Amino acid sequence: MTRGPYEVDLANRRSAQVRQVLTHGTILWAVPACVLLPFSGQAWWVVLVGELLLVLLVIFCAMAWTTRPEPARTALTLFNTGKPVMSTVLGGKACDGGGYELALSIRSDALHLKASHRCDHPNCTRTGGRPGSQIPVLVAPDARTWGVLH
């Protein structure tokens, strides 16, 4: 039995996907606008300012698209490469302010670990910290990461 793999918050995956959709959509809107703006019949200086702003917007979106924060990157990597397994609750206790801190036993083909997960999501609070309850997790033994599926 080993200790060491760290938990990844899979909620970051959603924020990374939203960021990707917004940046793609903005780029897909701004590039045609850049091409069509000179034909709008506006004064030359309006077209120039509009073009500069659209080019800056495209550059900003391209940077946001290519540089993701580390938590979002690890969440996407775990989501894409992880293997779903059922973890067993070894015990748990109620936390101040709601939620539970659960002791989990996570077993996959290449990894067996005991871990702690603190959460107030209904999937986790429903267990009530009862030993033997099961919670789905994603495990990536090669990356030594795991995350509870909510």
Foldseek 3Di string as FASTA:
>chain_A
DDDDQEEAALVLQVVLVVLQVVLVVLLVVLVVCLVCLVVPPDDPVVNVVSNVVSVVSNVVSVVSNVDDDPSNVVSVVLVVQWDKDKWWFQFWDADPPAWIWTWIWDDDPVDTDIDIDTDRDCQRVVCVRDGGDIFIKTDDVVNSYIYTDD
